[in-house]
Amino acid sequence: MYTMEDLKTNRDAQITVASILFFVLAFPIYFSIAAGNADTDFAGAAGDYQVSGELTYVVLDSGSESIADGDTWSMTYNTDAVNDADELNIVGVRISMSYGEDETGGEGPLCPGGSAAADTITGTASHLTFNASADGQNNGGSGAHDASAVWYNESMLGANVSGLSLNEIKAQLDSMGAGLGDHTVSIAVDAQAGNEPLPQCSRSDGGETVDYTVELIVLEYTIEAAQSSSSEE
């Protein structure tokens, strides 16, 4: 055991203590780096994985809009209005629509047997370069449909994935913040009037009233190695 006086005057003692301190500090750092490299190698290695996930929805807005024939209603929403949006894996935006029939026509005994025509309602959802549109019809009565723009690989959920690394799979499931910002939705109406059996009767359809809900699509996922219970979220 060296004394303080030895450390001050004895060169051999100084070298010995310095060596001990070096190894005491260096070994934990080395093993930490080695463990980190092992995790990186695992994440970058292609293999067989089981992917599972759950979608949840965050409502941005809902309401009812009267849209004239040939017109388009549009609205933009920003994720700044959502609490802790930067902590969510936002992978899509969806607009859900339902609608009836606003068509009017002749009534009474002089105008029997008329029928309404189907109207086409088109919903569009978009974010950055991602967009999707979908049509629905009321078929003379009522109807409902939705349109979703997504930016993740839907086919991976509930599937066994082979030949890709953990990082490559995550890149197709995690938006990495790309879901933040503006999301735009629109609804367009193409109304058609039906027919009446007699020339003195007529029908008209000036548009439709559409109920809508706008939602962000959020994905929580798990990737498990096919032959182990280890997982990564």
Protein backbone atom coordinates (compact mmCIF):
# COMPACT_ATOMS: atom_id res chain seq x y z
CA MET A 1 0.00 0.00 0.00
CA TYR A 2 1.37 3.36 -1.00
CA THR A 3 1.26 6.42 1.23
CA MET A 4 0.58 9.95 0.07
CA GLU A 5 4.28 10.67 0.43
CA ASP A 6 5.05 7.73 -1.92
CA LEU A 7 2.65 9.13 -4.52
CA LYS A 8 4.40 12.45 -4.33
CA THR A 9 7.98 11.20 -4.61
CA ASN A 10 8.02 7.57 -5.84
CA ARG A 11 7.79 7.34 -9.66
CA ASP A 12 7.02 3.59 -9.60
CA ALA A 13 4.15 4.23 -7.21
CA GLN A 14 2.80 6.97 -9.47
CA ILE A 15 2.91 4.68 -12.54
CA THR A 16 1.22 1.82 -10.68
CA VAL A 17 -1.62 3.96 -9.37
CA ALA A 18 -2.14 5.62 -12.76
CA SER A 19 -2.38 2.19 -14.42
CA ILE A 20 -4.94 1.03 -11.90
CA LEU A 21 -7.05 4.16 -12.45
CA PHE A 22 -6.85 3.71 -16.23
CA PHE A 23 -8.20 0.16 -16.12
CA VAL A 24 -10.88 1.06 -13.57
CA LEU A 25 -12.19 3.76 -15.92
CA ALA A 26 -11.53 2.08 -19.26
CA PHE A 27 -13.17 -1.30 -18.68
CA PRO A 28 -16.73 0.01 -18.04
CA ILE A 29 -16.49 2.26 -21.11
CA TYR A 30 -15.22 -0.63 -23.25
CA PHE A 31 -17.98 -3.01 -22.21
CA SER A 32 -20.62 -0.29 -22.71
CA ILE A 33 -19.40 0.32 -26.27
CA ALA A 34 -19.22 -3.41 -26.96
CA ALA A 35 -22.78 -3.92 -25.74
CA GLY A 36 -23.98 -1.01 -27.88
CA ASN A 37 -22.28 -2.44 -30.95
CA ALA A 38 -23.92 -5.81 -30.28
CA ASP A 39 -27.36 -4.19 -30.18
CA THR A 40 -26.59 -2.31 -33.41
CA ASP A 41 -25.41 -5.47 -35.12
CA PHE A 42 -28.62 -7.27 -34.07
CA ALA A 43 -30.81 -4.42 -35.27
CA GLY A 44 -29.00 -4.36 -38.61
CA ALA A 45 -29.02 -8.10 -39.22
CA ALA A 46 -31.60 -9.59 -41.57
CA GLY A 47 -33.75 -12.31 -40.03
CA ASP A 48 -37.23 -13.65 -39.40
CA TYR A 49 -39.57 -11.43 -37.38
CA GLN A 50 -43.18 -11.40 -36.22
CA VAL A 51 -44.82 -7.98 -36.48
CA SER A 52 -47.94 -7.03 -34.57
CA GLY A 53 -49.61 -3.68 -34.07
CA GLU A 54 -52.70 -1.77 -33.04
CA LEU A 55 -54.25 1.27 -34.67
CA THR A 56 -55.94 3.98 -32.62
CA TYR A 57 -57.61 7.18 -33.80
CA VAL A 58 -57.36 10.76 -32.56
CA VAL A 59 -60.31 12.96 -33.52
CA LEU A 60 -59.35 16.29 -35.07
CA ASP A 61 -62.87 17.45 -35.92
CA SER A 62 -66.43 16.32 -36.61
CA GLY A 63 -69.47 18.10 -37.97
CA SER A 64 -72.03 18.41 -40.72
CA GLU A 65 -71.69 20.34 -43.97
CA SER A 66 -74.23 21.20 -46.65
CA ILE A 67 -72.39 20.96 -49.97
CA ALA A 68 -73.94 22.14 -53.23
CA ASP A 69 -73.80 20.08 -56.40
CA GLY A 70 -70.42 20.58 -58.06
CA ASP A 71 -68.85 22.20 -54.98
CA THR A 72 -66.02 21.01 -52.75
CA TRP A 73 -65.70 21.65 -49.01
CA SER A 74 -62.12 21.63 -47.69
CA MET A 75 -60.40 22.08 -44.32
CA THR A 76 -56.81 21.88 -42.99
CA TYR A 77 -55.88 20.75 -39.49
CA ASN A 78 -52.50 20.92 -37.74
CA THR A 79 -51.15 18.53 -35.13
CA ASP A 80 -50.26 21.52 -32.93
CA ALA A 81 -53.85 21.19 -31.69
CA VAL A 82 -53.17 17.66 -30.39
CA ASN A 83 -51.66 17.18 -26.93
CA ASP A 84 -48.23 15.48 -27.06
CA ALA A 85 -48.54 14.89 -30.80
CA ASP A 86 -44.76 14.56 -31.09
CA GLU A 87 -44.93 11.47 -28.87
CA LEU A 88 -47.38 9.70 -31.21
CA ASN A 89 -46.46 7.49 -34.17
CA ILE A 90 -48.88 9.23 -36.57
CA VAL A 91 -49.12 7.11 -39.72
CA GLY A 92 -52.22 8.39 -41.48
CA VAL A 93 -55.23 10.69 -41.64
CA ARG A 94 -58.83 9.56 -42.24
CA ILE A 95 -62.09 11.27 -43.09
CA SER A 96 -65.29 9.28 -42.47
CA MET A 97 -68.51 10.44 -44.14
CA SER A 98 -72.21 9.59 -43.97
CA TYR A 99 -75.03 11.15 -46.00
CA GLY A 100 -78.67 10.84 -46.97
CA GLU A 101 -80.69 12.05 -49.95
CA ASP A 102 -81.80 15.68 -50.34
CA GLU A 103 -83.50 15.25 -53.70
CA THR A 104 -86.95 16.75 -54.15
CA GLY A 105 -89.60 15.90 -56.73
CA GLY A 106 -93.25 16.15 -57.70
CA GLU A 107 -95.78 14.82 -55.20
CA GLY A 108 -99.42 13.90 -55.20
CA PRO A 109 -101.65 11.96 -57.58
CA LEU A 110 -100.46 13.85 -60.66
CA CYS A 111 -96.84 12.78 -60.13
CA PRO A 112 -96.78 9.17 -58.98
CA GLY A 113 -93.89 6.72 -59.15
CA GLY A 114 -90.86 9.02 -59.43
CA SER A 115 -87.48 7.82 -58.17
CA ALA A 116 -84.35 9.54 -56.89
CA ALA A 117 -80.96 9.12 -58.58
CA ALA A 118 -77.77 8.13 -56.86
CA ASP A 119 -75.37 10.95 -55.97
CA THR A 120 -71.60 10.58 -55.74
CA ILE A 121 -69.72 11.90 -52.70
CA THR A 122 -65.93 12.01 -52.96
CA GLY A 123 -63.74 12.27 -49.86
CA THR A 124 -60.03 13.10 -50.01
CA ALA A 125 -57.40 13.02 -47.25
CA SER A 126 -53.83 14.26 -47.67
CA HIS A 127 -50.60 15.02 -45.80
CA LEU A 128 -47.38 16.15 -47.47
CA THR A 129 -47.10 14.00 -50.63
CA PHE A 130 -49.48 11.33 -49.34
CA ASN A 131 -53.10 11.49 -50.48
CA ALA A 132 -56.05 9.21 -51.09
CA SER A 133 -59.57 9.66 -52.45
CA ALA A 134 -62.61 7.40 -52.25
CA ASP A 135 -66.11 7.67 -53.73
CA GLY A 136 -69.41 6.67 -52.16
CA GLN A 137 -73.04 6.83 -53.28
CA ASN A 138 -76.32 7.24 -51.48
CA ASN A 139 -78.14 5.12 -54.09
CA GLY A 140 -81.25 7.24 -53.69
CA GLY A 141 -81.26 6.69 -49.93
CA SER A 142 -78.28 6.86 -47.59
CA GLY A 143 -74.63 5.86 -47.64
CA ALA A 144 -71.30 6.05 -45.82
CA HIS A 145 -67.63 5.58 -46.60
CA ASP A 146 -64.20 6.85 -45.62
CA ALA A 147 -60.92 7.88 -47.24
CA SER A 148 -57.52 7.34 -45.61
CA ALA A 149 -54.06 8.53 -46.57
CA VAL A 150 -51.37 6.44 -44.87
CA TRP A 151 -47.56 6.41 -44.84
CA TYR A 152 -46.67 3.03 -43.33
CA ASN A 153 -46.55 -0.52 -44.66
CA GLU A 154 -49.99 -1.90 -43.76
CA SER A 155 -49.14 -5.37 -45.07
CA MET A 156 -46.58 -5.94 -42.29
CA LEU A 157 -49.09 -5.89 -39.43
CA GLY A 158 -49.85 -9.40 -38.19
CA ALA A 159 -47.34 -10.89 -40.64
CA ASN A 160 -44.10 -12.86 -40.50
CA VAL A 161 -41.41 -10.80 -42.19
CA SER A 162 -38.24 -12.45 -43.52
CA GLY A 163 -35.10 -11.12 -45.14
CA LEU A 164 -35.24 -7.67 -43.53
CA SER A 165 -33.41 -6.29 -40.51
CA LEU A 166 -35.08 -4.87 -37.43
CA ASN A 167 -34.13 -1.36 -38.54
CA GLU A 168 -35.54 -1.92 -42.03
CA ILE A 169 -38.87 -3.10 -40.61
CA LYS A 170 -39.07 -0.18 -38.18
CA ALA A 171 -38.43 2.22 -41.06
CA GLN A 172 -41.66 0.98 -42.69
CA LEU A 173 -43.75 1.23 -39.51
CA ASP A 174 -42.45 4.29 -37.67
CA SER A 175 -43.17 7.73 -39.11
CA MET A 176 -40.21 9.26 -37.20
CA GLY A 177 -42.20 12.48 -36.82
CA ALA A 178 -43.27 12.66 -40.46
CA GLY A 179 -46.92 12.65 -39.37
CA LEU A 180 -46.63 16.06 -37.72
CA GLY A 181 -47.89 19.21 -39.42
CA ASP A 182 -50.86 20.01 -41.67
CA HIS A 183 -53.47 17.44 -42.71
CA THR A 184 -56.05 18.42 -45.32
CA VAL A 185 -59.42 16.83 -46.06
CA SER A 186 -62.09 17.65 -48.62
CA ILE A 187 -65.55 16.48 -49.67
CA ALA A 188 -66.99 16.96 -53.17
CA VAL A 189 -70.59 16.32 -54.26
CA ASP A 190 -71.86 15.31 -57.68
CA ALA A 191 -75.66 15.31 -57.34
CA GLN A 192 -78.00 13.80 -59.90
CA ALA A 193 -81.77 14.29 -60.18
CA GLY A 194 -83.92 11.23 -60.78
CA ASN A 195 -86.88 10.89 -63.09
CA GLU A 196 -90.63 11.37 -63.06
CA PRO A 197 -93.04 9.38 -65.22
CA LEU A 198 -95.04 12.36 -66.45
CA PRO A 199 -93.74 15.40 -68.38
CA GLN A 200 -95.44 17.89 -66.05
CA CYS A 201 -93.45 16.51 -63.09
CA SER A 202 -89.81 17.23 -62.38
CA ARG A 203 -87.15 16.42 -59.77
CA SER A 204 -84.20 18.45 -58.53
CA ASP A 205 -81.13 17.77 -56.42
CA GLY A 206 -79.00 20.75 -55.48
CA GLY A 207 -76.49 18.89 -53.32
CA GLU A 208 -76.16 16.85 -50.13
CA THR A 209 -75.64 17.29 -46.42
CA VAL A 210 -72.61 15.25 -45.32
CA ASP A 211 -71.72 14.34 -41.74
CA TYR A 212 -67.96 13.90 -41.30
CA THR A 213 -65.28 12.95 -38.77
CA VAL A 214 -61.58 13.69 -39.30
CA GLU A 215 -59.05 11.56 -37.41
CA LEU A 216 -55.32 10.97 -37.17
CA ILE A 217 -54.29 7.31 -37.43
CA VAL A 218 -51.78 6.27 -34.74
CA LEU A 219 -49.84 2.99 -34.81
CA GLU A 220 -48.32 1.16 -31.84
CA TYR A 221 -46.26 -1.82 -32.98
CA THR A 222 -44.11 -4.66 -31.69
CA ILE A 223 -41.41 -6.57 -33.58
CA GLU A 224 -40.38 -9.95 -32.18
CA ALA A 225 -37.63 -12.23 -33.36
CA ALA A 226 -39.36 -15.36 -34.67
CA GLN A 227 -37.31 -17.70 -32.48
CA SER A 228 -37.12 -15.61 -29.32
CA SER A 229 -39.21 -13.53 -26.98
CA SER A 230 -37.14 -10.37 -27.36
CA SER A 231 -39.01 -7.40 -28.75
CA GLU A 232 -38.47 -3.85 -29.91
CA GLU A 233 -40.93 -0.98 -29.90
